[in-house]
């Protein structure tokens, strides 16, 4: 039931092969949060964000967890090279 900027999104406890940018405060649908964009270590595509801090007590359960947008989980045009992201897990 999570929503990203490009539609449906999923909350994960942990992720692999993902880098994390600097945290910044953003007002999301559920209030003010400190979040850091996360990106694929291979192709550098932004995938979603990590919740660093939730300012509302009802949202504290998200701290330290990751949102990945469904739009970034599926690569429709395939991969051309053996060393692309296809052999890595999200």
PDB file of N, CA and C in Angstrom:
ATOM      1  N   UNK A   1       0.819  -1.204   0.000  1.00  0.00           N
ATOM      2  CA  UNK A   1       0.000   0.000   0.000  1.00  0.00           C
ATOM      3  C   UNK A   1       0.859   1.264   0.000  1.00  0.00           C
ATOM      4  N   UNK A   2       2.094   1.162  -0.434  1.00  0.00           N
ATOM      5  CA  UNK A   2       2.965   2.337  -0.478  1.00  0.00           C
ATOM      6  C   UNK A   2       2.915   2.974  -1.855  1.00  0.00           C
ATOM      7  N   UNK A   3       3.123   4.282  -1.871  1.00  0.00           N
ATOM      8  CA  UNK A   3       3.052   5.049  -3.106  1.00  0.00           C
ATOM      9  C   UNK A   3       4.348   5.820  -3.301  1.00  0.00           C
ATOM     10  N   UNK A   4       4.950   5.660  -4.482  1.00  0.00           N
ATOM     11  CA  UNK A   4       6.131   6.438  -4.829  1.00  0.00           C
ATOM     12  C   UNK A   4       5.747   7.548  -5.780  1.00  0.00           C
ATOM     13  N   UNK A   5       6.715   8.291  -6.248  1.00  0.00           N
ATOM     14  CA  UNK A   5       6.432   9.386  -7.173  1.00  0.00           C
ATOM     15  C   UNK A   5       5.957   8.875  -8.530  1.00  0.00           C
ATOM     16  N   UNK A   6       6.269   7.601  -8.848  1.00  0.00           N
ATOM     17  CA  UNK A   6       5.873   7.030 -10.130  1.00  0.00           C
ATOM     18  C   UNK A   6       4.904   5.861  -9.970  1.00  0.00           C
ATOM     19  N   UNK A   7       4.139   5.856  -8.887  1.00  0.00           N
ATOM     20  CA  UNK A   7       3.136   4.805  -8.699  1.00  0.00           C
ATOM     21  C   UNK A   7       3.450   3.899  -7.519  1.00  0.00           C
ATOM     22  N   UNK A   8       2.976   2.656  -7.620  1.00  0.00           N
ATOM     23  CA  UNK A   8       3.084   1.687  -6.540  1.00  0.00           C
ATOM     24  C   UNK A   8       4.544   1.471  -6.127  1.00  0.00           C
ATOM     25  N   UNK A   9       4.723   1.281  -4.816  1.00  0.00           N
ATOM     26  CA  UNK A   9       6.054   1.065  -4.261  1.00  0.00           C
ATOM     27  C   UNK A   9       5.962   0.033  -3.135  1.00  0.00           C
ATOM     28  N   UNK A  10       7.103  -0.536  -2.783  1.00  0.00           N
ATOM     29  CA  UNK A  10       7.157  -1.567  -1.756  1.00  0.00           C
ATOM     30  C   UNK A  10       8.184  -1.205  -0.699  1.00  0.00           C
ATOM     31  N   UNK A  11       7.882  -1.553   0.544  1.00  0.00           N
ATOM     32  CA  UNK A  11       8.762  -1.292   1.675  1.00  0.00           C
ATOM     33  C   UNK A  11       9.579  -2.549   1.968  1.00  0.00           C
ATOM     34  N   UNK A  12      10.904  -2.396   2.058  1.00  0.00           N
ATOM     35  CA  UNK A  12      11.804  -3.510   2.329  1.00  0.00           C
ATOM     36  C   UNK A  12      12.587  -3.247   3.609  1.00  0.00           C
ATOM     37  N   UNK A  13      12.868  -4.319   4.343  1.00  0.00           N
ATOM     38  CA  UNK A  13      13.725  -4.213   5.525  1.00  0.00           C
ATOM     39  C   UNK A  13      15.187  -4.048   5.129  1.00  0.00           C
ATOM     40  N   UNK A  14      15.586  -4.693   4.036  1.00  0.00           N
ATOM     41  CA  UNK A  14      16.969  -4.597   3.580  1.00  0.00           C
ATOM     42  C   UNK A  14      17.007  -4.736   2.058  1.00  0.00           C
ATOM     43  N   UNK A  15      18.087  -4.261   1.468  1.00  0.00           N
ATOM     44  CA  UNK A  15      18.286  -4.335   0.022  1.00  0.00           C
ATOM     45  C   UNK A  15      19.756  -4.653  -0.230  1.00  0.00           C
ATOM     46  N   UNK A  16      20.068  -5.140  -1.431  1.00  0.00           N
ATOM     47  CA  UNK A  16      21.454  -5.415  -1.809  1.00  0.00           C
ATOM     48  C   UNK A  16      21.760  -4.727  -3.123  1.00  0.00           C
ATOM     49  N   UNK A  17      23.036  -4.512  -3.379  1.00  0.00           N
ATOM     50  CA  UNK A  17      23.504  -3.876  -4.609  1.00  0.00           C
ATOM     51  C   UNK A  17      22.897  -2.493  -4.809  1.00  0.00           C
ATOM     52  N   UNK A  18      22.710  -1.790  -3.706  1.00  0.00           N
ATOM     53  CA  UNK A  18      22.073  -0.473  -3.726  1.00  0.00           C
ATOM     54  C   UNK A  18      22.962   0.511  -2.985  1.00  0.00           C
ATOM     55  N   UNK A  19      23.170   1.687  -3.585  1.00  0.00           N
ATOM     56  CA  UNK A  19      23.900   2.768  -2.941  1.00  0.00           C
ATOM     57  C   UNK A  19      22.920   3.771  -2.353  1.00  0.00           C
ATOM     58  N   UNK A  20      23.418   4.601  -1.475  1.00  0.00           N
ATOM     59  CA  UNK A  20      22.555   5.549  -0.759  1.00  0.00           C
ATOM     60  C   UNK A  20      23.143   6.953  -0.846  1.00  0.00           C
ATOM     61  N   UNK A  21      22.322   7.915  -1.220  1.00  0.00           N
ATOM     62  CA  UNK A  21      22.742   9.303  -1.290  1.00  0.00           C
ATOM     63  C   UNK A  21      22.607   9.977   0.069  1.00  0.00           C
ATOM     64  N   UNK A  22      22.806  11.294   0.108  1.00  0.00           N
ATOM     65  CA  UNK A  22      22.693  12.031   1.367  1.00  0.00           C
ATOM     66  C   UNK A  22      21.228  12.190   1.788  1.00  0.00           C
ATOM     67  N   UNK A  23      21.010  12.228   3.074  1.00  0.00           N
ATOM     68  CA  UNK A  23      19.651  12.398   3.612  1.00  0.00           C
ATOM     69  C   UNK A  23      19.202  13.848   3.474  1.00  0.00           C
ATOM     70  N   UNK A  24      17.906  14.007   3.238  1.00  0.00           N
ATOM     71  CA  UNK A  24      17.295  15.332   3.198  1.00  0.00           C
ATOM     72  C   UNK A  24      15.863  15.226   3.693  1.00  0.00           C
ATOM     73  N   UNK A  25      15.347  16.316   4.214  1.00  0.00           N
ATOM     74  CA  UNK A  25      13.975  16.314   4.714  1.00  0.00           C
ATOM     75  C   UNK A  25      13.015  16.504   3.550  1.00  0.00           C
ATOM     76  N   UNK A  26      11.960  15.666   3.524  1.00  0.00           N
ATOM     77  CA  UNK A  26      10.925  15.769   2.498  1.00  0.00           C
ATOM     78  C   UNK A  26       9.564  15.569   3.136  1.00  0.00           C
ATOM     79  N   UNK A  27       8.587  16.303   2.635  1.00  0.00           N
ATOM     80  CA  UNK A  27       7.208  16.085   3.045  1.00  0.00           C
ATOM     81  C   UNK A  27       6.611  15.063   2.081  1.00  0.00           C
ATOM     82  N   UNK A  28       6.315  13.881   2.599  1.00  0.00           N
ATOM     83  CA  UNK A  28       5.719  12.802   1.816  1.00  0.00           C
ATOM     84  C   UNK A  28       4.237  12.710   2.157  1.00  0.00           C
ATOM     85  N   UNK A  29       3.532  11.779   1.556  1.00  0.00           N
ATOM     86  CA  UNK A  29       2.096  11.626   1.811  1.00  0.00           C
ATOM     87  C   UNK A  29       1.799  11.385   3.290  1.00  0.00           C
ATOM     88  N   UNK A  30       2.744  10.762   3.998  1.00  0.00           N
ATOM     89  CA  UNK A  30       2.539  10.438   5.407  1.00  0.00           C
ATOM     90  C   UNK A  30       3.238  11.409   6.354  1.00  0.00           C
ATOM     91  N   UNK A  31       3.651  12.562   5.853  1.00  0.00           N
ATOM     92  CA  UNK A  31       4.251  13.574   6.712  1.00  0.00           C
ATOM     93  C   UNK A  31       5.718  13.818   6.420  1.00  0.00           C
ATOM     94  N   UNK A  32       6.361  14.547   7.325  1.00  0.00           N
ATOM     95  CA  UNK A  32       7.762  14.929   7.164  1.00  0.00           C
ATOM     96  C   UNK A  32       8.675  13.769   7.546  1.00  0.00           C
ATOM     97  N   UNK A  33       9.628  13.474   6.671  1.00  0.00           N
ATOM     98  CA  UNK A  33      10.617  12.421   6.897  1.00  0.00           C
ATOM     99  C   UNK A  33      11.985  12.922   6.441  1.00  0.00           C
ATOM    100  N   UNK A  34      13.031  12.368   7.028  1.00  0.00           N
ATOM    101  CA  UNK A  34      14.390  12.534   6.491  1.00  0.00           C
ATOM    102  C   UNK A  34      14.654  11.270   5.678  1.00  0.00           C
ATOM    103  N   UNK A  35      14.880  11.439   4.384  1.00  0.00           N
ATOM    104  CA  UNK A  35      15.067  10.302   3.482  1.00  0.00           C
ATOM    105  C   UNK A  35      16.322  10.502   2.646  1.00  0.00           C
ATOM    106  N   UNK A  36      16.863   9.389   2.157  1.00  0.00           N
ATOM    107  CA  UNK A  36      18.025   9.422   1.266  1.00  0.00           C
ATOM    108  C   UNK A  36      17.677   8.614   0.026  1.00  0.00           C
ATOM    109  N   UNK A  37      17.881   9.175  -1.144  1.00  0.00           N
ATOM    110  CA  UNK A  37      17.627   8.434  -2.372  1.00  0.00           C
ATOM    111  C   UNK A  37      18.541   7.217  -2.432  1.00  0.00           C
ATOM    112  N   UNK A  38      18.008   6.114  -2.965  1.00  0.00           N
ATOM    113  CA  UNK A  38      18.816   4.915  -3.176  1.00  0.00           C
ATOM    114  C   UNK A  38      18.889   4.644  -4.672  1.00  0.00           C
ATOM    115  N   UNK A  39      20.008   4.049  -5.096  1.00  0.00           N
ATOM    116  CA  UNK A  39      20.232   3.828  -6.518  1.00  0.00           C
ATOM    117  C   UNK A  39      20.917   2.492  -6.736  1.00  0.00           C
ATOM    118  N   UNK A  40      20.749   1.940  -7.925  1.00  0.00           N
ATOM    119  CA  UNK A  40      21.386   0.690  -8.314  1.00  0.00           C
ATOM    120  C   UNK A  40      22.896   0.912  -8.387  1.00  0.00           C
ATOM    121  N   UNK A  41      23.667   0.072  -7.736  1.00  0.00           N
ATOM    122  CA  UNK A  41      25.130   0.185  -7.759  1.00  0.00           C
ATOM    123  C   UNK A  41      25.685  -0.050  -9.158  1.00  0.00           C
ATOM    124  N   UNK A  42      24.965  -0.808  -9.974  1.00  0.00           N
ATOM    125  CA  UNK A  42      25.439  -1.151 -11.310  1.00  0.00           C
ATOM    126  C   UNK A  42      25.177  -0.027 -12.308  1.00  0.00           C
ATOM    127  N   UNK A  43      23.909   0.346 -12.477  1.00  0.00           N
ATOM    128  CA  UNK A  43      23.559   1.315 -13.518  1.00  0.00           C
ATOM    129  C   UNK A  43      23.272   2.715 -12.991  1.00  0.00           C
ATOM    130  N   UNK A  44      23.271   2.887 -11.656  1.00  0.00           N
ATOM    131  CA  UNK A  44      23.074   4.185 -10.991  1.00  0.00           C
ATOM    132  C   UNK A  44      21.649   4.743 -11.133  1.00  0.00           C
ATOM    133  N   UNK A  45      20.702   3.924 -11.570  1.00  0.00           N
ATOM    134  CA  UNK A  45      19.307   4.360 -11.657  1.00  0.00           C
ATOM    135  C   UNK A  45      18.740   4.562 -10.253  1.00  0.00           C
ATOM    136  N   UNK A  46      18.071   5.686 -10.027  1.00  0.00           N
ATOM    137  CA  UNK A  46      17.408   5.909  -8.745  1.00  0.00           C
ATOM    138  C   UNK A  46      16.240   4.947  -8.634  1.00  0.00           C
ATOM    139  N   UNK A  47      16.183   4.215  -7.514  1.00  0.00           N
ATOM    140  CA  UNK A  47      15.169   3.175  -7.318  1.00  0.00           C
ATOM    141  C   UNK A  47      14.077   3.591  -6.345  1.00  0.00           C
ATOM    142  N   UNK A  48      14.408   4.457  -5.426  1.00  0.00           N
ATOM    143  CA  UNK A  48      13.466   4.853  -4.373  1.00  0.00           C
ATOM    144  C   UNK A  48      14.217   5.628  -3.313  1.00  0.00           C
ATOM    145  N   UNK A  49      13.954   5.306  -2.043  1.00  0.00           N
ATOM    146  CA  UNK A  49      14.620   6.018  -0.956  1.00  0.00           C
ATOM    147  C   UNK A  49      14.688   5.173   0.299  1.00  0.00           C
ATOM    148  N   UNK A  50      15.559   5.613   1.213  1.00  0.00           N
ATOM    149  CA  UNK A  50      15.687   5.014   2.536  1.00  0.00           C
ATOM    150  C   UNK A  50      15.141   5.998   3.554  1.00  0.00           C
ATOM    151  N   UNK A  51      14.332   5.501   4.477  1.00  0.00           N
ATOM    152  CA  UNK A  51      13.829   6.336   5.562  1.00  0.00           C
ATOM    153  C   UNK A  51      14.905   6.429   6.639  1.00  0.00           C
ATOM    154  N   UNK A  52      15.470   7.591   6.805  1.00  0.00           N
ATOM    155  CA  UNK A  52      16.478   7.810   7.842  1.00  0.00           C
ATOM    156  C   UNK A  52      15.825   8.206   9.167  1.00  0.00           C
ATOM    157  N   UNK A  53      14.787   9.052   9.080  1.00  0.00           N
ATOM    158  CA  UNK A  53      14.119   9.525  10.295  1.00  0.00           C
ATOM    159  C   UNK A  53      12.675   9.893   9.984  1.00  0.00           C
ATOM    160  N   UNK A  54      11.777   9.477  10.846  1.00  0.00           N
ATOM    161  CA  UNK A  54      10.367   9.863  10.739  1.00  0.00           C
ATOM    162  C   UNK A  54      10.067  10.831  11.885  1.00  0.00           C
ATOM    163  N   UNK A  55       9.447  11.938  11.567  1.00  0.00           N
ATOM    164  CA  UNK A  55       9.177  12.952  12.582  1.00  0.00           C
ATOM    165  C   UNK A  55       7.883  12.703  13.341  1.00  0.00           C
ATOM    166  N   UNK A  56       6.996  11.871  12.782  1.00  0.00           N
ATOM    167  CA  UNK A  56       5.740  11.535  13.456  1.00  0.00           C
ATOM    168  C   UNK A  56       5.850  10.160  14.089  1.00  0.00           C
ATOM    169  N   UNK A  57       5.382  10.024  15.315  1.00  0.00           N
ATOM    170  CA  UNK A  57       5.540   8.763  16.046  1.00  0.00           C
ATOM    171  C   UNK A  57       4.884   7.582  15.327  1.00  0.00           C
ATOM    172  N   UNK A  58       3.786   7.819  14.630  1.00  0.00           N
ATOM    173  CA  UNK A  58       3.097   6.730  13.929  1.00  0.00           C
ATOM    174  C   UNK A  58       3.883   6.204  12.731  1.00  0.00           C
ATOM    175  N   UNK A  59       4.911   6.932  12.322  1.00  0.00           N
ATOM    176  CA  UNK A  59       5.694   6.550  11.144  1.00  0.00           C
ATOM    177  C   UNK A  59       7.085   6.013  11.511  1.00  0.00           C
ATOM    178  N   UNK A  60       7.392   5.908  12.786  1.00  0.00           N
ATOM    179  CA  UNK A  60       8.718   5.474  13.241  1.00  0.00           C
ATOM    180  C   UNK A  60       9.078   4.078  12.738  1.00  0.00           C
ATOM    181  N   UNK A  61       8.102   3.230  12.475  1.00  0.00           N
ATOM    182  CA  UNK A  61       8.378   1.867  12.016  1.00  0.00           C
ATOM    183  C   UNK A  61       9.120   1.844  10.673  1.00  0.00           C
ATOM    184  N   UNK A  62       9.088   2.940   9.936  1.00  0.00           N
ATOM    185  CA  UNK A  62       9.747   3.014   8.630  1.00  0.00           C
ATOM    186  C   UNK A  62      11.243   3.307   8.733  1.00  0.00           C
ATOM    187  N   UNK A  63      11.691   3.799   9.854  1.00  0.00           N
ATOM    188  CA  UNK A  63      13.099   4.203   9.991  1.00  0.00           C
ATOM    189  C   UNK A  63      14.039   3.034   9.693  1.00  0.00           C
ATOM    190  N   UNK A  64      15.030   3.315   8.849  1.00  0.00           N
ATOM    191  CA  UNK A  64      16.005   2.302   8.470  1.00  0.00           C
ATOM    192  C   UNK A  64      15.538   1.369   7.362  1.00  0.00           C
ATOM    193  N   UNK A  65      14.314   1.554   6.883  1.00  0.00           N
ATOM    194  CA  UNK A  65      13.769   0.698   5.823  1.00  0.00           C
ATOM    195  C   UNK A  65      13.824   1.418   4.470  1.00  0.00           C
ATOM    196  N   UNK A  66      13.546   0.674   3.432  1.00  0.00           N
ATOM    197  CA  UNK A  66      13.734   1.150   2.066  1.00  0.00           C
ATOM    198  C   UNK A  66      12.445   1.065   1.260  1.00  0.00           C
ATOM    199  N   UNK A  67      12.199   2.063   0.443  1.00  0.00           N
ATOM    200  CA  UNK A  67      11.110   2.050  -0.529  1.00  0.00           C
ATOM    201  C   UNK A  67      11.718   1.867  -1.913  1.00  0.00           C
ATOM    202  N   UNK A  68      11.209   0.883  -2.656  1.00  0.00           N
ATOM    203  CA  UNK A  68      11.583   0.732  -4.065  1.00  0.00           C
ATOM    204  C   UNK A  68      10.297   0.809  -4.876  1.00  0.00           C
ATOM    205  N   UNK A  69      10.312   1.680  -5.875  1.00  0.00           N
ATOM    206  CA  UNK A  69       9.148   1.857  -6.728  1.00  0.00           C
ATOM    207  C   UNK A  69       9.063   0.733  -7.752  1.00  0.00           C
ATOM    208  N   UNK A  70       7.879   0.207  -7.950  1.00  0.00           N
ATOM    209  CA  UNK A  70       7.663  -0.878  -8.900  1.00  0.00           C
ATOM    210  C   UNK A  70       8.167  -0.504 -10.287  1.00  0.00           C
ATOM    211  N   UNK A  71       8.020   0.732 -10.681  1.00  0.00           N
ATOM    212  CA  UNK A  71       8.463   1.191 -12.004  1.00  0.00           C
ATOM    213  C   UNK A  71       9.960   0.964 -12.204  1.00  0.00           C
ATOM    214  N   UNK A  72      10.725   0.872 -11.111  1.00  0.00           N
ATOM    215  CA  UNK A  72      12.171   0.679 -11.212  1.00  0.00           C
ATOM    216  C   UNK A  72      12.601  -0.763 -10.962  1.00  0.00           C
ATOM    217  N   UNK A  73      11.657  -1.637 -10.669  1.00  0.00           N
ATOM    218  CA  UNK A  73      11.976  -3.037 -10.410  1.00  0.00           C
ATOM    219  C   UNK A  73      12.007  -3.862 -11.690  1.00  0.00           C
ATOM    220  N   UNK A  74      11.400  -3.372 -12.727  1.00  0.00           N
ATOM    221  CA  UNK A  74      11.263  -4.125 -13.974  1.00  0.00           C
ATOM    222  C   UNK A  74      11.964  -3.373 -15.087  1.00  0.00           C
ATOM    223  N   UNK A  75      12.898  -4.027 -15.749  1.00  0.00           N
ATOM    224  CA  UNK A  75      13.587  -3.414 -16.883  1.00  0.00           C
ATOM    225  C   UNK A  75      12.992  -4.035 -18.140  1.00  0.00           C
ATOM    226  N   UNK A  76      12.249  -3.246 -18.896  1.00  0.00           N
ATOM    227  CA  UNK A  76      11.484  -3.763 -20.024  1.00  0.00           C
ATOM    228  C   UNK A  76      12.300  -3.984 -21.285  1.00  0.00           C
ATOM    229  N   UNK A  77      13.376  -3.236 -21.473  1.00  0.00           N
ATOM    230  CA  UNK A  77      14.093  -3.326 -22.738  1.00  0.00           C
ATOM    231  C   UNK A  77      15.257  -4.315 -22.709  1.00  0.00           C
ATOM    232  N   UNK A  78      15.425  -5.062 -21.617  1.00  0.00           N
ATOM    233  CA  UNK A  78      16.482  -6.063 -21.528  1.00  0.00           C
ATOM    234  C   UNK A  78      17.853  -5.451 -21.344  1.00  0.00           C
ATOM    235  N   UNK A  79      18.875  -6.306 -21.357  1.00  0.00           N
ATOM    236  CA  UNK A  79      20.247  -5.873 -21.175  1.00  0.00           C
ATOM    237  C   UNK A  79      21.087  -6.351 -22.349  1.00  0.00           C
ATOM    238  N   UNK A  80      22.089  -5.573 -22.687  1.00  0.00           N
ATOM    239  CA  UNK A  80      22.928  -5.882 -23.841  1.00  0.00           C
ATOM    240  C   UNK A  80      24.271  -6.502 -23.467  1.00  0.00           C
ATOM    241  N   UNK A  81      24.699  -6.360 -22.230  1.00  0.00           N
ATOM    242  CA  UNK A  81      26.030  -6.802 -21.840  1.00  0.00           C
ATOM    243  C   UNK A  81      25.952  -7.794 -20.690  1.00  0.00           C
ATOM    244  N   UNK A  82      26.881  -8.742 -20.665  1.00  0.00           N
ATOM    245  CA  UNK A  82      26.914  -9.745 -19.620  1.00  0.00           C
ATOM    246  C   UNK A  82      27.107  -9.141 -18.231  1.00  0.00           C
ATOM    247  N   UNK A  83      27.840  -8.054 -18.144  1.00  0.00           N
ATOM    248  CA  UNK A  83      28.139  -7.478 -16.831  1.00  0.00           C
ATOM    249  C   UNK A  83      27.120  -6.445 -16.400  1.00  0.00           C
ATOM    250  N   UNK A  84      26.002  -6.325 -17.097  1.00  0.00           N
ATOM    251  CA  UNK A  84      24.934  -5.420 -16.670  1.00  0.00           C
ATOM    252  C   UNK A  84      24.254  -5.969 -15.431  1.00  0.00           C
ATOM    253  N   UNK A  85      23.219  -5.320 -14.986  1.00  0.00           N
ATOM    254  CA  UNK A  85      22.557  -5.624 -13.728  1.00  0.00           C
ATOM    255  C   UNK A  85      21.806  -6.956 -13.730  1.00  0.00           C
ATOM    256  N   UNK A  86      21.633  -7.617 -14.852  1.00  0.00           N
ATOM    257  CA  UNK A  86      20.789  -8.799 -14.886  1.00  0.00           C
ATOM    258  C   UNK A  86      21.247  -9.919 -13.977  1.00  0.00           C
ATOM    259  N   UNK A  87      22.508  -9.995 -13.653  1.00  0.00           N
ATOM    260  CA  UNK A  87      23.017 -11.063 -12.803  1.00  0.00           C
ATOM    261  C   UNK A  87      23.065 -10.659 -11.330  1.00  0.00           C
ATOM    262  N   UNK A  88      22.523  -9.514 -11.004  1.00  0.00           N
ATOM    263  CA  UNK A  88      22.535  -9.019  -9.642  1.00  0.00           C
ATOM    264  C   UNK A  88      21.137  -8.971  -9.090  1.00  0.00           C
ATOM    265  N   UNK A  89      21.012  -9.051  -7.787  1.00  0.00           N
ATOM    266  CA  UNK A  89      19.699  -8.994  -7.141  1.00  0.00           C
ATOM    267  C   UNK A  89      19.402  -7.566  -6.726  1.00  0.00           C
ATOM    268  N   UNK A  90      18.112  -7.136  -6.752  1.00  0.00           N
ATOM    269  CA  UNK A  90      17.755  -5.784  -6.315  1.00  0.00           C
ATOM    270  C   UNK A  90      17.892  -5.603  -4.825  1.00  0.00           C
TER     271      UNK A  90
END
